Amino acid sequence: MLSIVSTPIGNLGDITLRAIETLKNCDAIICEDTRVTGNLLKQLDIPKKELFSLHGYSDPRKLDAILERLKNGEHLALVSDAGTPGISDPGFRLVSQAQKLEVSMEVIPGPSALLAALSISGLPINQFVYLGFLPLKKGRQTLLASLHAEERTIVFYESVHRIERTLNELSEALSSQPDRPVVIARELTKMYEEVIRTTVGHLKDTAKTIMKKGEFVVVIGAM
């Protein structure tokens, strides 16, 4: 059995009872960073578990070893460092391969920075497009240039190191739509949570004043 378990994105109180029960009862936990997940278990008073990391740079043989354990009937839990596994993390590869092997799976839904930002944005989200993290180099300018024609709400993640650059580039790419709304959510569910509501025309000013700390979700309103 493979259990896909959502974990808090900042506030420990967001963990679900079902997630706690699953993490307690599984045989081992597949995670991105064993230190992060180990700390989560400690905060939840869950006894130490076997933890093994699976990330974008993992040896393919590690994935094979995990699949072998699943085929042998072990109950493994898949988590990400924060939020829902498979969203902008390598967990989807394991789920895809487990599906091909007809491994029994279940999902324990819960926190997601993506959905939290959309919910608090106040923008129409009956249709939206999720971009993950914008590419660093290859294809970045092409993608940014294409956004002005996207009629649905747009949402993506950005790091503290690139948020100023990205807001400035969005200001240029969407300059023909100065009134298009933009919401920037920072440190969602954490002590210093901040939601900034602005427009494309004011993005350059926002880029100068926004606190360069924490994790960001950017939401661009539908046309």
N, C-alpha and C. Protein backbone atom coordinates (compact mmCIF):
# COMPACT_ATOMS: atom_id res chain seq x y z
N MET A 1 0.84 -1.20 0.00
CA MET A 1 0.00 0.00 0.00
C MET A 1 0.88 1.25 0.00
N LEU A 2 0.55 2.18 -0.87
CA LEU A 2 1.22 3.48 -0.88
C LEU A 2 0.21 4.54 -0.46
N SER A 3 0.51 5.24 0.63
CA SER A 3 -0.34 6.32 1.11
C SER A 3 0.31 7.65 0.75
N ILE A 4 -0.41 8.49 0.05
CA ILE A 4 0.08 9.80 -0.37
C ILE A 4 -0.45 10.81 0.64
N VAL A 5 0.43 11.34 1.47
CA VAL A 5 0.02 12.09 2.66
C VAL A 5 0.40 13.57 2.56
N SER A 6 -0.58 14.44 2.69
CA SER A 6 -0.32 15.88 2.73
C SER A 6 0.11 16.28 4.14
N THR A 7 1.09 17.18 4.21
CA THR A 7 1.59 17.65 5.50
C THR A 7 1.51 19.18 5.55
N PRO A 8 1.61 19.78 6.74
CA PRO A 8 1.45 21.23 6.86
C PRO A 8 2.43 22.03 6.01
N ILE A 9 1.98 23.20 5.56
CA ILE A 9 2.86 24.10 4.81
C ILE A 9 3.46 25.16 5.73
N GLY A 10 3.12 25.11 7.00
CA GLY A 10 3.67 26.08 7.95
C GLY A 10 3.09 25.94 9.34
N ASN A 11 1.77 25.81 9.41
CA ASN A 11 1.09 25.71 10.70
C ASN A 11 0.83 24.24 11.03
N LEU A 12 1.46 23.76 12.10
CA LEU A 12 1.34 22.35 12.47
C LEU A 12 -0.11 21.94 12.71
N GLY A 13 -0.94 22.90 13.11
CA GLY A 13 -2.34 22.60 13.39
C GLY A 13 -3.14 22.18 12.17
N ASP A 14 -2.56 22.33 10.99
CA ASP A 14 -3.27 21.96 9.76
C ASP A 14 -3.14 20.48 9.42
N ILE A 15 -2.35 19.73 10.16
CA ILE A 15 -2.24 18.29 9.91
C ILE A 15 -3.57 17.62 10.20
N THR A 16 -3.97 16.66 9.40
CA THR A 16 -5.25 15.99 9.63
C THR A 16 -5.07 14.78 10.53
N LEU A 17 -6.15 14.38 11.19
CA LEU A 17 -6.10 13.20 12.05
C LEU A 17 -5.73 11.96 11.24
N ARG A 18 -6.24 11.91 10.03
CA ARG A 18 -5.97 10.75 9.17
C ARG A 18 -4.50 10.71 8.78
N ALA A 19 -3.91 11.88 8.53
CA ALA A 19 -2.49 11.93 8.19
C ALA A 19 -1.64 11.44 9.36
N ILE A 20 -1.96 11.88 10.57
CA ILE A 20 -1.22 11.45 11.75
C ILE A 20 -1.32 9.94 11.92
N GLU A 21 -2.51 9.42 11.78
CA GLU A 21 -2.72 7.98 11.94
C GLU A 21 -1.91 7.19 10.91
N THR A 22 -1.90 7.69 9.69
CA THR A 22 -1.16 7.00 8.62
C THR A 22 0.34 7.02 8.89
N LEU A 23 0.86 8.16 9.30
CA LEU A 23 2.29 8.27 9.57
C LEU A 23 2.71 7.41 10.76
N LYS A 24 1.79 7.23 11.69
CA LYS A 24 2.08 6.36 12.85
C LYS A 24 2.14 4.89 12.44
N ASN A 25 1.24 4.50 11.57
CA ASN A 25 1.05 3.07 11.29
C ASN A 25 1.80 2.53 10.09
N CYS A 26 2.33 3.38 9.24
CA CYS A 26 3.03 2.89 8.05
C CYS A 26 4.36 2.23 8.44
N ASP A 27 4.90 1.45 7.53
CA ASP A 27 6.17 0.77 7.79
C ASP A 27 7.37 1.69 7.61
N ALA A 28 7.27 2.63 6.69
CA ALA A 28 8.37 3.56 6.42
C ALA A 28 7.80 4.76 5.67
N ILE A 29 8.59 5.84 5.63
CA ILE A 29 8.13 7.08 5.00
C ILE A 29 9.13 7.51 3.92
N ILE A 30 8.60 7.79 2.74
CA ILE A 30 9.39 8.31 1.63
C ILE A 30 9.24 9.83 1.64
N CYS A 31 10.35 10.55 1.66
CA CYS A 31 10.28 12.00 1.80
C CYS A 31 11.33 12.67 0.92
N GLU A 32 11.28 14.00 0.87
CA GLU A 32 12.30 14.75 0.13
C GLU A 32 13.56 14.91 0.97
N ASP A 33 13.39 15.45 2.17
CA ASP A 33 14.52 15.69 3.08
C ASP A 33 14.22 14.99 4.40
N THR A 34 15.04 14.02 4.76
CA THR A 34 14.78 13.23 5.97
C THR A 34 14.83 14.10 7.23
N ARG A 35 15.60 15.18 7.19
CA ARG A 35 15.68 16.06 8.37
C ARG A 35 14.36 16.79 8.58
N VAL A 36 13.76 17.27 7.50
CA VAL A 36 12.49 17.98 7.60
C VAL A 36 11.39 17.04 8.10
N THR A 37 11.30 15.86 7.51
CA THR A 37 10.26 14.91 7.91
C THR A 37 10.51 14.38 9.31
N GLY A 38 11.77 14.16 9.66
CA GLY A 38 12.09 13.72 11.01
C GLY A 38 11.65 14.73 12.05
N ASN A 39 11.83 16.01 11.75
CA ASN A 39 11.40 17.06 12.66
C ASN A 39 9.88 17.10 12.78
N LEU A 40 9.18 16.87 11.67
CA LEU A 40 7.72 16.83 11.71
C LEU A 40 7.23 15.70 12.61
N LEU A 41 7.82 14.53 12.48
CA LEU A 41 7.42 13.40 13.32
C LEU A 41 7.66 13.71 14.79
N LYS A 42 8.76 14.37 15.07
CA LYS A 42 9.08 14.73 16.45
C LYS A 42 8.04 15.69 17.01
N GLN A 43 7.64 16.68 16.21
CA GLN A 43 6.63 17.65 16.64
C GLN A 43 5.28 16.98 16.88
N LEU A 44 5.00 15.91 16.13
CA LEU A 44 3.72 15.21 16.26
C LEU A 44 3.79 14.07 17.28
N ASP A 45 4.94 13.93 17.94
CA ASP A 45 5.14 12.86 18.93
C ASP A 45 4.94 11.48 18.33
N ILE A 46 5.35 11.32 17.09
CA ILE A 46 5.29 10.02 16.42
C ILE A 46 6.66 9.35 16.58
N PRO A 47 6.68 8.12 17.06
CA PRO A 47 7.97 7.42 17.25
C PRO A 47 8.77 7.40 15.95
N LYS A 48 10.09 7.32 16.10
CA LYS A 48 10.98 7.32 14.94
C LYS A 48 10.59 6.24 13.94
N LYS A 49 10.65 6.63 12.68
CA LYS A 49 10.32 5.72 11.58
C LYS A 49 11.52 5.60 10.64
N GLU A 50 11.51 4.57 9.85
CA GLU A 50 12.50 4.48 8.78
C GLU A 50 12.14 5.53 7.73
N LEU A 51 13.08 6.41 7.45
CA LEU A 51 12.88 7.46 6.46
C LEU A 51 13.89 7.29 5.34
N PHE A 52 13.44 7.44 4.12
CA PHE A 52 14.40 7.46 3.03
C PHE A 52 13.99 8.51 2.01
N SER A 53 15.00 9.23 1.52
CA SER A 53 14.73 10.37 0.65
C SER A 53 14.55 9.96 -0.80
N LEU A 54 13.68 10.69 -1.48
CA LEU A 54 13.47 10.52 -2.91
C LEU A 54 13.29 11.92 -3.49
N HIS A 55 14.24 12.33 -4.30
CA HIS A 55 14.18 13.67 -4.88
C HIS A 55 14.65 13.64 -6.32
N GLY A 56 14.71 14.80 -6.93
CA GLY A 56 15.03 14.86 -8.35
C GLY A 56 16.39 14.31 -8.73
N TYR A 57 17.29 14.24 -7.76
CA TYR A 57 18.65 13.77 -8.06
C TYR A 57 18.91 12.36 -7.53
N SER A 58 17.87 11.69 -7.08
CA SER A 58 18.04 10.35 -6.53
C SER A 58 18.47 9.36 -7.61
N ASP A 59 19.28 8.40 -7.21
CA ASP A 59 19.68 7.30 -8.09
C ASP A 59 18.42 6.52 -8.48
N PRO A 60 18.21 6.24 -9.77
CA PRO A 60 17.03 5.48 -10.20
C PRO A 60 16.85 4.16 -9.46
N ARG A 61 17.95 3.60 -8.97
CA ARG A 61 17.86 2.34 -8.24
C ARG A 61 17.11 2.50 -6.93
N LYS A 62 17.12 3.71 -6.39
CA LYS A 62 16.38 3.95 -5.15
C LYS A 62 14.88 3.82 -5.40
N LEU A 63 14.41 4.36 -6.51
CA LEU A 63 13.00 4.21 -6.87
C LEU A 63 12.65 2.74 -7.06
N ASP A 64 13.52 2.00 -7.71
CA ASP A 64 13.28 0.57 -7.92
C ASP A 64 13.17 -0.17 -6.59
N ALA A 65 14.02 0.20 -5.64
CA ALA A 65 13.99 -0.45 -4.33
C ALA A 65 12.69 -0.16 -3.59
N ILE A 66 12.19 1.07 -3.72
CA ILE A 66 10.92 1.43 -3.09
C ILE A 66 9.77 0.63 -3.72
N LEU A 67 9.77 0.55 -5.03
CA LEU A 67 8.72 -0.20 -5.72
C LEU A 67 8.75 -1.67 -5.34
N GLU A 68 9.93 -2.21 -5.14
CA GLU A 68 10.05 -3.61 -4.73
C GLU A 68 9.43 -3.83 -3.36
N ARG A 69 9.63 -2.89 -2.46
CA ARG A 69 9.04 -3.00 -1.13
C ARG A 69 7.52 -2.91 -1.20
N LEU A 70 7.02 -2.05 -2.06
CA LEU A 70 5.58 -1.94 -2.23
C LEU A 70 5.00 -3.24 -2.79
N LYS A 71 5.69 -3.81 -3.77
CA LYS A 71 5.23 -5.08 -4.36
C LYS A 71 5.22 -6.20 -3.33
N ASN A 72 6.11 -6.09 -2.34
CA ASN A 72 6.19 -7.12 -1.30
C ASN A 72 5.18 -6.91 -0.18
N GLY A 73 4.31 -5.91 -0.36
CA GLY A 73 3.21 -5.74 0.58
C GLY A 73 3.45 -4.77 1.72
N GLU A 74 4.56 -4.04 1.71
CA GLU A 74 4.79 -3.07 2.78
C GLU A 74 3.88 -1.85 2.60
N HIS A 75 3.57 -1.23 3.73
CA HIS A 75 2.76 0.00 3.72
C HIS A 75 3.71 1.18 3.84
N LEU A 76 3.88 1.93 2.75
CA LEU A 76 4.77 3.08 2.72
C LEU A 76 3.96 4.37 2.56
N ALA A 77 4.43 5.43 3.23
CA ALA A 77 3.79 6.74 3.11
C ALA A 77 4.70 7.66 2.31
N LEU A 78 4.11 8.42 1.41
CA LEU A 78 4.85 9.40 0.61
C LEU A 78 4.48 10.80 1.08
N VAL A 79 5.48 11.59 1.46
CA VAL A 79 5.23 12.98 1.86
C VAL A 79 6.20 13.89 1.11
N SER A 80 5.88 15.18 1.08
CA SER A 80 6.83 16.17 0.58
C SER A 80 7.31 16.97 1.78
N ASP A 81 8.23 17.89 1.58
CA ASP A 81 8.70 18.70 2.70
C ASP A 81 7.57 19.53 3.29
N ALA A 82 6.63 19.93 2.46
CA ALA A 82 5.47 20.71 2.92
C ALA A 82 4.38 20.63 1.87
N GLY A 83 3.15 20.43 2.33
CA GLY A 83 2.02 20.43 1.40
C GLY A 83 1.70 19.06 0.82
N THR A 84 1.18 19.07 -0.38
CA THR A 84 0.68 17.86 -1.03
C THR A 84 1.72 17.27 -1.97
N PRO A 85 2.07 16.00 -1.79
CA PRO A 85 3.07 15.36 -2.66
C PRO A 85 2.63 15.36 -4.13
N GLY A 86 3.62 15.48 -5.01
CA GLY A 86 3.34 15.43 -6.44
C GLY A 86 3.16 16.78 -7.08
N ILE A 87 3.02 17.85 -6.25
CA ILE A 87 2.87 19.20 -6.80
C ILE A 87 4.23 19.89 -6.72
N SER A 88 4.87 20.02 -7.85
CA SER A 88 6.21 20.62 -7.93
C SER A 88 7.22 19.88 -7.07
N ASP A 89 7.11 18.56 -7.00
CA ASP A 89 8.13 17.73 -6.36
C ASP A 89 8.17 16.40 -7.11
N PRO A 90 9.20 15.59 -6.89
CA PRO A 90 9.37 14.36 -7.69
C PRO A 90 8.47 13.20 -7.29
N GLY A 91 7.59 13.39 -6.34
CA GLY A 91 6.74 12.29 -5.88
C GLY A 91 5.89 11.67 -6.96
N PHE A 92 5.55 12.46 -7.99
CA PHE A 92 4.67 11.94 -9.04
C PHE A 92 5.29 10.75 -9.76
N ARG A 93 6.64 10.71 -9.83
CA ARG A 93 7.29 9.59 -10.51
C ARG A 93 7.01 8.28 -9.80
N LEU A 94 7.06 8.31 -8.48
CA LEU A 94 6.77 7.11 -7.71
C LEU A 94 5.32 6.68 -7.90
N VAL A 95 4.41 7.64 -7.84
CA VAL A 95 2.99 7.33 -8.00
C VAL A 95 2.73 6.73 -9.38
N SER A 96 3.35 7.31 -10.40
CA SER A 96 3.17 6.82 -11.77
C SER A 96 3.65 5.38 -11.91
N GLN A 97 4.83 5.09 -11.37
CA GLN A 97 5.37 3.73 -11.49
C GLN A 97 4.58 2.74 -10.65
N ALA A 98 4.15 3.17 -9.47
CA ALA A 98 3.35 2.29 -8.61
C ALA A 98 2.03 1.94 -9.28
N GLN A 99 1.47 2.91 -9.98
CA GLN A 99 0.21 2.67 -10.70
C GLN A 99 0.39 1.61 -11.78
N LYS A 100 1.51 1.69 -12.50
CA LYS A 100 1.78 0.70 -13.55
C LYS A 100 1.91 -0.71 -12.98
N LEU A 101 2.40 -0.79 -11.75
CA LEU A 101 2.58 -2.10 -11.11
C LEU A 101 1.33 -2.54 -10.35
N GLU A 102 0.27 -1.73 -10.47
CA GLU A 102 -1.02 -2.02 -9.83
C GLU A 102 -0.89 -2.13 -8.32
N VAL A 103 -0.02 -1.28 -7.75
CA VAL A 103 0.11 -1.19 -6.30
C VAL A 103 -1.13 -0.49 -5.74
N SER A 104 -1.65 -0.98 -4.64
CA SER A 104 -2.79 -0.34 -3.99
C SER A 104 -2.37 1.03 -3.46
N MET A 105 -3.18 2.06 -3.70
CA MET A 105 -2.84 3.41 -3.27
C MET A 105 -4.03 4.10 -2.64
N GLU A 106 -3.73 5.07 -1.77
CA GLU A 106 -4.75 5.93 -1.19
C GLU A 106 -4.16 7.33 -1.04
N VAL A 107 -5.03 8.32 -1.02
CA VAL A 107 -4.57 9.70 -0.84
C VAL A 107 -5.17 10.26 0.43
N ILE A 108 -4.35 10.92 1.22
CA ILE A 108 -4.80 11.61 2.43
C ILE A 108 -4.65 13.10 2.15
N PRO A 109 -5.70 13.76 1.68
CA PRO A 109 -5.59 15.16 1.26
C PRO A 109 -5.39 16.10 2.43
N GLY A 110 -4.94 17.30 2.11
CA GLY A 110 -4.69 18.27 3.17
C GLY A 110 -4.11 19.56 2.62
N PRO A 111 -3.18 20.17 3.36
CA PRO A 111 -2.66 21.48 3.00
C PRO A 111 -1.99 21.53 1.62
N SER A 112 -2.18 22.68 0.96
CA SER A 112 -1.54 22.94 -0.33
C SER A 112 -1.39 24.44 -0.48
N ALA A 113 -0.16 24.92 -0.64
CA ALA A 113 0.06 26.36 -0.80
C ALA A 113 -0.65 26.88 -2.05
N LEU A 114 -0.67 26.07 -3.08
CA LEU A 114 -1.33 26.42 -4.34
C LEU A 114 -2.80 26.75 -4.10
N LEU A 115 -3.52 25.83 -3.45
CA LEU A 115 -4.95 26.02 -3.23
C LEU A 115 -5.23 27.09 -2.18
N ALA A 116 -4.36 27.18 -1.18
CA ALA A 116 -4.54 28.21 -0.15
C ALA A 116 -4.44 29.60 -0.76
N ALA A 117 -3.47 29.79 -1.65
CA ALA A 117 -3.29 31.09 -2.29
C ALA A 117 -4.48 31.43 -3.19
N LEU A 118 -4.95 30.45 -3.94
CA LEU A 118 -6.11 30.68 -4.80
C LEU A 118 -7.33 31.04 -3.96
N SER A 119 -7.52 30.34 -2.85
CA SER A 119 -8.70 30.57 -2.01
C SER A 119 -8.72 31.99 -1.44
N ILE A 120 -7.56 32.47 -1.01
CA ILE A 120 -7.52 33.78 -0.36
C ILE A 120 -7.35 34.93 -1.36
N SER A 121 -7.11 34.59 -2.62
CA SER A 121 -6.85 35.63 -3.63
C SER A 121 -8.07 36.48 -3.93
N GLY A 122 -9.26 35.88 -3.82
CA GLY A 122 -10.46 36.61 -4.19
C GLY A 122 -10.63 36.74 -5.69
N LEU A 123 -9.81 36.02 -6.44
CA LEU A 123 -9.89 36.04 -7.90
C LEU A 123 -10.69 34.84 -8.40
N PRO A 124 -11.27 34.92 -9.60
CA PRO A 124 -12.05 33.79 -10.11
C PRO A 124 -11.17 32.56 -10.33
N ILE A 125 -11.57 31.44 -9.74
CA ILE A 125 -10.74 30.22 -9.84
C ILE A 125 -11.56 29.03 -10.34
N ASN A 126 -12.67 29.31 -11.02
CA ASN A 126 -13.40 28.20 -11.63
C ASN A 126 -12.56 27.56 -12.74
N GLN A 127 -11.64 28.35 -13.30
CA GLN A 127 -10.64 27.82 -14.23
C GLN A 127 -9.31 28.51 -13.91
N PHE A 128 -8.25 27.73 -13.82
CA PHE A 128 -6.94 28.33 -13.60
C PHE A 128 -5.87 27.44 -14.21
N VAL A 129 -4.69 28.03 -14.44
CA VAL A 129 -3.55 27.29 -14.97
C VAL A 129 -2.41 27.41 -13.97
N TYR A 130 -1.82 26.27 -13.63
CA TYR A 130 -0.74 26.22 -12.65
C TYR A 130 0.59 26.01 -13.37
N LEU A 131 1.57 26.87 -13.08
CA LEU A 131 2.84 26.84 -13.80
C LEU A 131 4.00 26.27 -12.97
N GLY A 132 3.73 25.86 -11.73
CA GLY A 132 4.82 25.37 -10.89
C GLY A 132 5.80 26.50 -10.62
N PHE A 133 7.11 26.22 -10.72
CA PHE A 133 8.13 27.26 -10.66
C PHE A 133 8.47 27.66 -12.10
N LEU A 134 8.58 28.94 -12.36
CA LEU A 134 8.94 29.39 -13.70
C LEU A 134 10.34 28.89 -14.05
N PRO A 135 10.58 28.57 -15.31
CA PRO A 135 11.93 28.13 -15.71
C PRO A 135 12.96 29.23 -15.42
N LEU A 136 14.16 28.81 -15.06
CA LEU A 136 15.21 29.78 -14.73
C LEU A 136 15.78 30.44 -15.97
N LYS A 137 16.00 29.67 -17.02
CA LYS A 137 16.63 30.21 -18.23
C LYS A 137 15.86 29.80 -19.47
N LYS A 138 16.05 28.55 -19.89
CA LYS A 138 15.47 28.08 -21.15
C LYS A 138 13.94 28.18 -21.13
N GLY A 139 13.41 28.93 -22.08
CA GLY A 139 11.97 29.05 -22.21
C GLY A 139 11.32 30.06 -21.30
N ARG A 140 12.09 30.70 -20.42
CA ARG A 140 11.50 31.63 -19.46
C ARG A 140 10.83 32.82 -20.16
N GLN A 141 11.56 33.49 -21.03
CA GLN A 141 11.02 34.68 -21.69
C GLN A 141 9.85 34.33 -22.61
N THR A 142 9.93 33.17 -23.24
CA THR A 142 8.83 32.73 -24.11
C THR A 142 7.57 32.51 -23.28
N LEU A 143 7.73 31.88 -22.12
CA LEU A 143 6.59 31.64 -21.24
C LEU A 143 6.00 32.96 -20.75
N LEU A 144 6.85 33.85 -20.28
CA LEU A 144 6.36 35.13 -19.78
C LEU A 144 5.62 35.90 -20.87
N ALA A 145 6.15 35.87 -22.08
CA ALA A 145 5.52 36.59 -23.19
C ALA A 145 4.15 36.01 -23.54
N SER A 146 3.95 34.73 -23.23
CA SER A 146 2.67 34.08 -23.58
C SER A 146 1.56 34.38 -22.57
N LEU A 147 1.92 34.91 -21.41
CA LEU A 147 0.94 35.07 -20.34
C LEU A 147 -0.13 36.11 -20.66
N HIS A 148 0.21 37.10 -21.48
CA HIS A 148 -0.77 38.16 -21.77
C HIS A 148 -1.99 37.61 -22.51
N ALA A 149 -1.82 36.47 -23.20
CA ALA A 149 -2.93 35.88 -23.95
C ALA A 149 -3.69 34.83 -23.14
N GLU A 150 -3.21 34.53 -21.93
CA GLU A 150 -3.88 33.52 -21.10
C GLU A 150 -5.09 34.15 -20.40
N GLU A 151 -6.27 33.62 -20.70
CA GLU A 151 -7.50 34.21 -20.19
C GLU A 151 -7.89 33.67 -18.81
N ARG A 152 -7.31 32.55 -18.43
CA ARG A 152 -7.62 31.96 -17.12
C ARG A 152 -6.72 32.57 -16.03
N THR A 153 -7.13 32.41 -14.78
CA THR A 153 -6.28 32.81 -13.66
C THR A 153 -5.00 31.98 -13.70
N ILE A 154 -3.89 32.62 -13.42
CA ILE A 154 -2.57 31.98 -13.47
C ILE A 154 -2.01 31.92 -12.05
N VAL A 155 -1.40 30.81 -11.68
CA VAL A 155 -0.78 30.70 -10.36
C VAL A 155 0.55 29.97 -10.49
N PHE A 156 1.54 30.45 -9.75
CA PHE A 156 2.84 29.78 -9.76
C PHE A 156 3.59 30.07 -8.46
N TYR A 157 4.59 29.25 -8.19
CA TYR A 157 5.45 29.42 -7.02
C TYR A 157 6.69 30.23 -7.42
N GLU A 158 7.24 30.95 -6.45
CA GLU A 158 8.50 31.64 -6.70
C GLU A 158 9.34 31.67 -5.42
N SER A 159 10.64 31.65 -5.60
CA SER A 159 11.56 31.64 -4.46
C SER A 159 11.88 33.06 -4.03
N VAL A 160 12.35 33.18 -2.81
CA VAL A 160 12.71 34.48 -2.26
C VAL A 160 13.84 35.13 -3.08
N HIS A 161 14.69 34.31 -3.67
CA HIS A 161 15.83 34.83 -4.41
C HIS A 161 15.45 35.41 -5.77
N ARG A 162 14.27 35.05 -6.28
CA ARG A 162 13.89 35.49 -7.63
C ARG A 162 12.62 36.32 -7.67
N ILE A 163 11.97 36.53 -6.53
CA ILE A 163 10.67 37.19 -6.55
C ILE A 163 10.75 38.61 -7.14
N GLU A 164 11.77 39.37 -6.78
CA GLU A 164 11.88 40.74 -7.30
C GLU A 164 12.06 40.73 -8.82
N ARG A 165 12.96 39.89 -9.30
CA ARG A 165 13.20 39.78 -10.74
C ARG A 165 11.92 39.38 -11.46
N THR A 166 11.21 38.39 -10.92
CA THR A 166 10.01 37.89 -11.58
C THR A 166 8.92 38.95 -11.66
N LEU A 167 8.71 39.70 -10.58
CA LEU A 167 7.68 40.74 -10.60
C LEU A 167 8.02 41.83 -11.62
N ASN A 168 9.29 42.17 -11.72
CA ASN A 168 9.70 43.16 -12.73
C ASN A 168 9.48 42.64 -14.15
N GLU A 169 9.79 41.37 -14.36
CA GLU A 169 9.59 40.78 -15.69
C GLU A 169 8.11 40.66 -16.03
N LEU A 170 7.28 40.35 -15.04
CA LEU A 170 5.83 40.29 -15.28
C LEU A 170 5.30 41.67 -15.65
N SER A 171 5.82 42.69 -15.00
CA SER A 171 5.41 44.06 -15.31
C SER A 171 5.65 44.39 -16.78
N GLU A 172 6.77 43.92 -17.30
CA GLU A 172 7.10 44.16 -18.71
C GLU A 172 6.25 43.28 -19.63
N ALA A 173 6.14 42.00 -19.29
CA ALA A 173 5.44 41.05 -20.16
C ALA A 173 3.95 41.37 -20.27
N LEU A 174 3.37 41.93 -19.20
CA LEU A 174 1.93 42.21 -19.18
C LEU A 174 1.65 43.71 -19.21
N SER A 175 2.58 44.47 -19.74
CA SER A 175 2.46 45.94 -19.71
C SER A 175 1.21 46.46 -20.43
N SER A 176 0.68 45.67 -21.36
CA SER A 176 -0.53 46.10 -22.07
C SER A 176 -1.80 45.88 -21.24
N GLN A 177 -1.65 45.28 -20.05
CA GLN A 177 -2.79 45.00 -19.17
C GLN A 177 -2.53 45.56 -17.77
N PRO A 178 -2.34 46.87 -17.65
CA PRO A 178 -1.93 47.46 -16.36
C PRO A 178 -2.93 47.27 -15.23
N ASP A 179 -4.20 47.06 -15.56
CA ASP A 179 -5.21 46.90 -14.51
C ASP A 179 -5.45 45.44 -14.12
N ARG A 180 -4.73 44.53 -14.74
CA ARG A 180 -4.93 43.11 -14.43
C ARG A 180 -4.49 42.86 -12.98
N PRO A 181 -5.36 42.24 -12.17
CA PRO A 181 -5.04 42.05 -10.75
C PRO A 181 -3.98 40.99 -10.52
N VAL A 182 -3.16 41.23 -9.51
CA VAL A 182 -2.12 40.29 -9.10
C VAL A 182 -2.17 40.16 -7.58
N VAL A 183 -2.12 38.94 -7.09
CA VAL A 183 -2.07 38.69 -5.65
C VAL A 183 -0.79 37.91 -5.35
N ILE A 184 -0.04 38.38 -4.37
CA ILE A 184 1.21 37.72 -3.97
C ILE A 184 1.03 37.26 -2.52
N ALA A 185 1.06 35.96 -2.33
CA ALA A 185 0.90 35.39 -0.99
C ALA A 185 2.27 34.94 -0.47
N ARG A 186 2.60 35.38 0.74
CA ARG A 186 3.92 35.07 1.32
C ARG A 186 3.75 34.39 2.67
N GLU A 187 4.51 33.32 2.88
CA GLU A 187 4.54 32.64 4.18
C GLU A 187 3.14 32.19 4.62
N LEU A 188 2.38 31.60 3.73
CA LEU A 188 1.01 31.19 4.03
C LEU A 188 0.96 30.25 5.24
N THR A 189 0.02 30.50 6.12
CA THR A 189 -0.27 29.77 7.37
C THR A 189 0.79 29.96 8.45
N LYS A 190 1.83 30.73 8.16
CA LYS A 190 2.88 30.95 9.15
C LYS A 190 2.64 32.25 9.91
N MET A 191 3.48 32.52 10.90
CA MET A 191 3.29 33.67 11.77
C MET A 191 3.25 34.99 11.01
N TYR A 192 4.09 35.11 9.98
CA TYR A 192 4.17 36.37 9.25
C TYR A 192 3.50 36.28 7.88
N GLU A 193 2.41 35.53 7.82
CA GLU A 193 1.65 35.43 6.57
C GLU A 193 1.28 36.82 6.06
N GLU A 194 1.44 37.00 4.76
CA GLU A 194 1.13 38.29 4.15
C GLU A 194 0.51 38.05 2.77
N VAL A 195 -0.55 38.79 2.48
CA VAL A 195 -1.20 38.72 1.17
C VAL A 195 -1.23 40.12 0.58
N ILE A 196 -0.54 40.30 -0.52
CA ILE A 196 -0.42 41.61 -1.16
C ILE A 196 -1.30 41.63 -2.41
N ARG A 197 -2.20 42.59 -2.48
CA ARG A 197 -3.10 42.72 -3.63
C ARG A 197 -2.69 43.96 -4.42
N THR A 198 -2.37 43.75 -5.67
CA THR A 198 -1.89 44.84 -6.50
C THR A 198 -2.35 44.64 -7.94
N THR A 199 -1.79 45.38 -8.85
CA THR A 199 -2.10 45.22 -10.28
C THR A 199 -0.79 45.20 -11.06
N VAL A 200 -0.88 44.77 -12.31
CA VAL A 200 0.31 44.72 -13.16
C VAL A 200 1.00 46.08 -13.21
N GLY A 201 0.21 47.14 -13.29
CA GLY A 201 0.77 48.48 -13.40
C GLY A 201 1.58 48.92 -12.19
N HIS A 202 1.38 48.26 -11.05
CA HIS A 202 2.10 48.63 -9.83
C HIS A 202 3.13 47.58 -9.42
N LEU A 203 3.38 46.61 -10.29
CA LEU A 203 4.28 45.51 -9.91
C LEU A 203 5.71 45.97 -9.65
N LYS A 204 6.18 46.95 -10.41
CA LYS A 204 7.56 47.41 -10.20
C LYS A 204 7.72 48.05 -8.82
N ASP A 205 6.71 48.79 -8.39
CA ASP A 205 6.75 49.37 -7.05
C ASP A 205 6.68 48.27 -5.99
N THR A 206 5.82 47.28 -6.25
CA THR A 206 5.69 46.16 -5.31
C THR A 206 7.01 45.40 -5.20
N ALA A 207 7.69 45.22 -6.33
CA ALA A 207 8.96 44.49 -6.34
C ALA A 207 10.00 45.17 -5.45
N LYS A 208 9.95 46.49 -5.36
CA LYS A 208 10.91 47.23 -4.55
C LYS A 208 10.61 47.10 -3.06
N THR A 209 9.33 47.05 -2.70
CA THR A 209 8.95 47.13 -1.29
C THR A 209 8.64 45.78 -0.64
N ILE A 210 8.39 44.75 -1.44
CA ILE A 210 8.00 43.46 -0.87
C ILE A 210 9.13 42.89 0.00
N MET A 211 8.76 42.30 1.13
CA MET A 211 9.76 41.72 2.01
C MET A 211 10.37 40.48 1.36
N LYS A 212 11.67 40.48 1.21
CA LYS A 212 12.36 39.36 0.54
C LYS A 212 12.67 38.28 1.57
N LYS A 213 11.62 37.63 2.01
CA LYS A 213 11.78 36.59 3.03
C LYS A 213 10.63 35.61 2.92
N GLY A 214 10.93 34.33 2.99
CA GLY A 214 9.88 33.32 2.99
C GLY A 214 9.63 32.71 1.63
N GLU A 215 8.44 32.12 1.49
CA GLU A 215 8.06 31.43 0.27
C GLU A 215 6.86 32.14 -0.34
N PHE A 216 6.82 32.20 -1.67
CA PHE A 216 5.83 33.01 -2.36
C PHE A 216 4.96 32.19 -3.33
N VAL A 217 3.68 32.58 -3.40
CA VAL A 217 2.79 32.10 -4.44
C VAL A 217 2.23 33.34 -5.13
N VAL A 218 2.33 33.38 -6.45
CA VAL A 218 1.85 34.53 -7.23
C VAL A 218 0.61 34.11 -8.01
N VAL A 219 -0.45 34.91 -7.90
CA VAL A 219 -1.70 34.64 -8.61
C VAL A 219 -2.02 35.85 -9.50
N ILE A 220 -2.21 35.60 -10.78
CA ILE A 220 -2.55 36.65 -11.74
C ILE A 220 -3.99 36.43 -12.18
N GLY A 221 -4.82 37.44 -12.05
CA GLY A 221 -6.24 37.30 -12.32
C GLY A 221 -6.58 37.00 -13.77
N ALA A 222 -7.73 36.37 -13.94
CA ALA A 222 -8.23 36.07 -15.28
C ALA A 222 -8.56 37.36 -16.00
N MET A 223 -8.52 37.31 -17.32
CA MET A 223 -8.86 38.48 -18.13
C MET A 223 -10.38 38.58 -18.31
